[in-house]
Amino acid sequence: MAAVTRLTTCAGPALLLALLLGLLAGCSGSTPKPHPAAPPPPTPIAQLNTAVMTVHRIPFCDLLPRQAVTDALGQKAADHEAWRYGDASRFVGGPGDRAQEFGCRYSAGGAVAEAWVFASPVDSSLARQVIRDTVQQSGCRELTAASFGTPSVDQLCHRNGGMVRVRHAGLFGQSWLTCQLSAPLAEATVERRADAWCVQVANSLNTSR
């Protein structure tokens, strides 16, 4: 009986160790591998504290992150143009017209991302007149988006060729800032990309951060 007792006592830890090693071996192959963290979503316009933002009336195209342009267009820009106050530009108006703002324009694959800020100070009276002229455009409707400045206008338009254009424009202090995205895509997609694009533009010009 004593021999049997000694055998059980000695074999018990060995048996437990074997069982433990077997369990560990079985679990090691099923441990899930960690996935890379997803990039953070773009800051929505609703989170912009426009009341304290200081938007300067300066050339700003070089301040824009390249990734912001790529995200807005859905691919890297194939063409771009920047203009300053007083420049002649094919995007300004008729022949001989000179730019009254600082602006940028990027395009690729039928999509166009644009932004500009008036070079001269703008008061609330002039801002409201600009808004009245904007909302009278045919094929457009106002969006119930968060305020992009005070006062501001947020607009979605349907253009020829299935183009959808989303524009956010507003007054930041005495700076009138406009940004927009046009693309042959679904309304929701253009709205989402335009929101992120305009946030990037506003943050690039904001020197109060």
Protein backbone atom coordinates (compact mmCIF):
# COMPACT_ATOMS: atom_id res chain seq x y z
CA MET A 1 0.00 0.00 0.00
CA ALA A 2 2.89 2.33 0.82
CA ALA A 3 4.38 1.79 -2.65
CA VAL A 4 1.12 2.63 -4.32
CA THR A 5 0.83 5.82 -2.26
CA ARG A 6 4.36 6.93 -3.19
CA LEU A 7 3.63 6.28 -6.92
CA THR A 8 0.45 8.36 -6.84
CA THR A 9 2.18 11.19 -5.03
CA CYS A 10 5.02 11.30 -7.53
CA ALA A 11 2.89 10.85 -10.63
CA GLY A 12 0.31 13.49 -9.71
CA PRO A 13 2.41 16.63 -10.44
CA ALA A 14 3.83 15.08 -13.61
CA LEU A 15 0.36 14.31 -14.88
CA LEU A 16 -0.89 17.81 -14.08
CA LEU A 17 2.10 19.34 -15.85
CA ALA A 18 1.44 17.23 -18.96
CA LEU A 19 -2.20 18.26 -18.99
CA LEU A 20 -1.25 21.94 -18.58
CA LEU A 21 1.26 21.81 -21.42
CA GLY A 22 -1.33 20.14 -23.64
CA LEU A 23 -3.85 22.88 -22.93
CA LEU A 24 -1.30 25.58 -23.65
CA ALA A 25 -0.32 23.90 -26.92
CA GLY A 26 -3.93 23.68 -27.98
CA CYS A 27 -4.63 27.33 -27.19
CA SER A 28 -1.50 28.78 -28.79
CA GLY A 29 -2.71 28.03 -32.31
CA SER A 30 -6.11 29.68 -31.80
CA THR A 31 -4.98 33.00 -30.30
CA PRO A 32 -6.31 35.76 -32.62
CA LYS A 33 -3.76 38.13 -34.08
CA PRO A 34 -4.29 41.80 -33.25
CA HIS A 35 -5.65 43.94 -36.10
CA PRO A 36 -4.09 47.32 -36.91
CA ALA A 37 -6.00 50.21 -35.40
CA ALA A 38 -8.40 51.91 -37.78
CA PRO A 39 -7.59 55.55 -38.59
CA PRO A 40 -9.66 58.05 -36.60
CA PRO A 41 -12.71 59.43 -38.42
CA PRO A 42 -12.49 63.00 -39.70
CA THR A 43 -13.63 65.72 -37.35
CA PRO A 44 -17.23 66.63 -38.20
CA ILE A 45 -18.14 70.24 -38.88
CA ALA A 46 -20.35 70.15 -35.79
CA GLN A 47 -17.22 69.92 -33.63
CA LEU A 48 -15.61 73.04 -35.09
CA ASN A 49 -15.65 75.80 -32.48
CA THR A 50 -16.09 78.51 -35.09
CA ALA A 51 -16.77 81.19 -32.46
CA VAL A 52 -13.13 81.18 -31.36
CA MET A 53 -11.45 80.38 -34.67
CA THR A 54 -9.21 83.02 -36.24
CA VAL A 55 -9.26 82.59 -40.01
CA HIS A 56 -6.63 84.76 -41.68
CA ARG A 57 -6.95 86.15 -45.19
CA ILE A 58 -3.68 84.79 -46.54
CA PRO A 59 -2.43 82.38 -49.24
CA PHE A 60 -3.10 78.99 -47.67
CA CYS A 61 -2.73 76.30 -50.32
CA ASP A 62 0.67 75.19 -49.04
CA LEU A 63 -0.82 74.81 -45.56
CA LEU A 64 -3.33 72.17 -46.65
CA PRO A 65 -2.34 68.56 -45.87
CA ARG A 66 -1.86 66.56 -49.08
CA GLN A 67 -3.85 63.74 -47.54
CA ALA A 68 -6.84 66.05 -47.12
CA VAL A 69 -6.84 66.68 -50.87
CA THR A 70 -6.51 62.97 -51.63
CA ASP A 71 -9.35 62.08 -49.26
CA ALA A 72 -11.64 64.71 -50.79
CA LEU A 73 -11.00 63.57 -54.38
CA GLY A 74 -10.79 59.86 -53.62
CA GLN A 75 -7.34 59.76 -55.22
CA LYS A 76 -4.26 61.92 -55.65
CA ALA A 77 -4.82 65.21 -57.45
CA ALA A 78 -4.06 65.09 -61.16
CA ASP A 79 -4.28 68.87 -61.60
CA HIS A 80 -4.23 71.87 -59.31
CA GLU A 81 -4.13 75.64 -59.39
CA ALA A 82 -3.60 78.28 -56.73
CA TRP A 83 -4.32 81.98 -57.05
CA ARG A 84 -3.81 85.13 -55.01
CA TYR A 85 -5.53 88.46 -54.73
CA GLY A 86 -5.11 90.38 -58.01
CA ASP A 87 -4.14 87.34 -60.08
CA ALA A 88 -5.75 86.59 -63.41
CA SER A 89 -7.39 83.16 -63.20
CA ARG A 90 -9.61 81.15 -65.48
CA PHE A 91 -11.74 80.30 -62.44
CA VAL A 92 -12.42 83.90 -61.41
CA GLY A 93 -14.81 85.19 -64.06
CA GLY A 94 -14.69 86.81 -67.46
CA PRO A 95 -11.58 87.88 -69.39
CA GLY A 96 -9.67 90.59 -67.59
CA ASP A 97 -11.21 89.83 -64.20
CA ARG A 98 -8.83 89.68 -61.28
CA ALA A 99 -9.12 87.46 -58.24
CA GLN A 100 -10.53 89.08 -55.15
CA GLU A 101 -9.53 86.18 -52.97
CA PHE A 102 -6.85 83.62 -52.16
CA GLY A 103 -7.81 80.19 -53.41
CA CYS A 104 -6.96 76.64 -54.49
CA ARG A 105 -8.47 74.13 -56.87
CA TYR A 106 -7.64 70.42 -57.13
CA SER A 107 -9.11 67.85 -59.52
CA ALA A 108 -8.91 64.15 -60.37
CA GLY A 109 -11.26 61.56 -61.83
CA GLY A 110 -14.08 64.01 -62.39
CA ALA A 111 -13.97 65.31 -58.79
CA VAL A 112 -13.02 68.90 -57.95
CA ALA A 113 -12.12 70.24 -54.49
CA GLU A 114 -11.94 74.03 -54.10
CA ALA A 115 -11.53 76.61 -51.36
CA TRP A 116 -11.08 80.36 -51.21
CA VAL A 117 -11.08 83.21 -48.70
CA PHE A 118 -11.89 86.82 -49.60
CA ALA A 119 -8.83 89.04 -49.38
CA SER A 120 -10.81 92.01 -48.05
CA PRO A 121 -12.66 92.14 -44.73
CA VAL A 122 -16.34 91.21 -44.92
CA ASP A 123 -19.02 92.42 -42.51
CA SER A 124 -22.22 90.59 -41.61
CA SER A 125 -24.32 92.72 -43.98
CA LEU A 126 -22.23 91.77 -47.01
CA ALA A 127 -22.11 88.16 -45.82
CA ARG A 128 -25.91 87.97 -45.78
CA GLN A 129 -26.04 89.40 -49.29
CA VAL A 130 -23.63 86.72 -50.49
CA ILE A 131 -25.83 84.10 -48.85
CA ARG A 132 -28.98 85.47 -50.53
CA ASP A 133 -27.28 85.31 -53.92
CA THR A 134 -26.07 81.77 -53.22
CA VAL A 135 -29.40 80.27 -52.18
CA GLN A 136 -31.12 81.58 -55.31
CA GLN A 137 -29.12 79.26 -57.57
CA SER A 138 -31.27 76.78 -59.47
CA GLY A 139 -30.88 73.07 -58.82
CA CYS A 140 -29.70 73.71 -55.27
CA ARG A 141 -31.09 73.23 -51.79
CA GLU A 142 -29.86 74.21 -48.36
CA LEU A 143 -28.45 71.57 -46.05
CA THR A 144 -29.23 71.31 -42.37
CA ALA A 145 -25.55 71.15 -41.54
CA ALA A 146 -23.81 72.65 -38.54
CA SER A 147 -22.90 76.31 -38.78
CA PHE A 148 -19.72 76.94 -40.78
CA GLY A 149 -19.18 80.45 -39.46
CA THR A 150 -21.77 83.12 -38.53
CA PRO A 151 -23.67 83.72 -40.72
CA SER A 152 -23.16 80.75 -43.02
CA VAL A 153 -24.68 78.77 -45.86
CA ASP A 154 -24.52 75.01 -46.49
CA GLN A 155 -25.75 73.91 -49.88
CA LEU A 156 -26.12 70.86 -52.11
CA CYS A 157 -26.55 71.28 -55.88
CA HIS A 158 -27.07 68.94 -58.82
CA ARG A 159 -25.14 69.91 -61.95
CA ASN A 160 -24.96 68.60 -65.49
CA GLY A 161 -23.45 65.18 -66.06
CA GLY A 162 -24.59 63.75 -62.73
CA MET A 163 -22.33 66.04 -60.73
CA VAL A 164 -23.19 66.72 -57.10
CA ARG A 165 -21.71 69.81 -55.44
CA VAL A 166 -21.64 70.48 -51.72
CA ARG A 167 -20.60 73.94 -50.52
CA HIS A 168 -19.95 75.29 -47.03
CA ALA A 169 -19.34 79.03 -46.69
CA GLY A 170 -19.42 81.41 -43.78
CA LEU A 171 -18.04 84.39 -41.92
CA PHE A 172 -15.26 83.85 -39.38
CA GLY A 173 -14.78 87.23 -37.72
CA GLN A 174 -14.24 89.37 -40.82
CA SER A 175 -13.04 86.55 -43.07
CA TRP A 176 -15.45 85.00 -45.57
CA LEU A 177 -14.36 81.42 -46.23
CA THR A 178 -15.83 79.13 -48.90
CA CYS A 179 -15.01 75.50 -49.62
CA GLN A 180 -16.76 72.99 -51.84
CA LEU A 181 -16.50 69.58 -53.43
CA SER A 182 -17.99 68.46 -56.74
CA ALA A 183 -18.05 64.81 -57.83
CA PRO A 184 -20.17 62.38 -59.89
CA LEU A 185 -21.05 60.40 -56.76
CA ALA A 186 -23.97 59.80 -54.43
CA GLU A 187 -25.14 62.75 -52.34
CA ALA A 188 -24.16 61.11 -49.05
CA THR A 189 -20.62 60.42 -50.27
CA VAL A 190 -20.08 63.96 -51.52
CA GLU A 191 -21.51 65.40 -48.29
CA ARG A 192 -19.21 63.27 -46.14
CA ARG A 193 -16.10 64.13 -48.15
CA ALA A 194 -17.02 67.81 -48.38
CA ASP A 195 -17.50 68.05 -44.61
CA ALA A 196 -14.06 66.56 -43.96
CA TRP A 197 -12.49 68.74 -46.68
CA CYS A 198 -13.95 71.96 -45.27
CA VAL A 199 -12.84 71.08 -41.75
CA GLN A 200 -9.28 70.65 -43.02
CA VAL A 201 -9.43 73.96 -44.88
CA ALA A 202 -10.75 75.84 -41.85
CA ASN A 203 -8.18 74.28 -39.53
CA SER A 204 -5.35 75.12 -41.92
CA LEU A 205 -6.31 78.80 -41.85
CA ASN A 206 -7.05 78.86 -38.11
CA THR A 207 -4.15 80.46 -36.26
CA SER A 208 -5.84 80.42 -32.84
CA ARG A 209 -4.89 76.77 -32.24
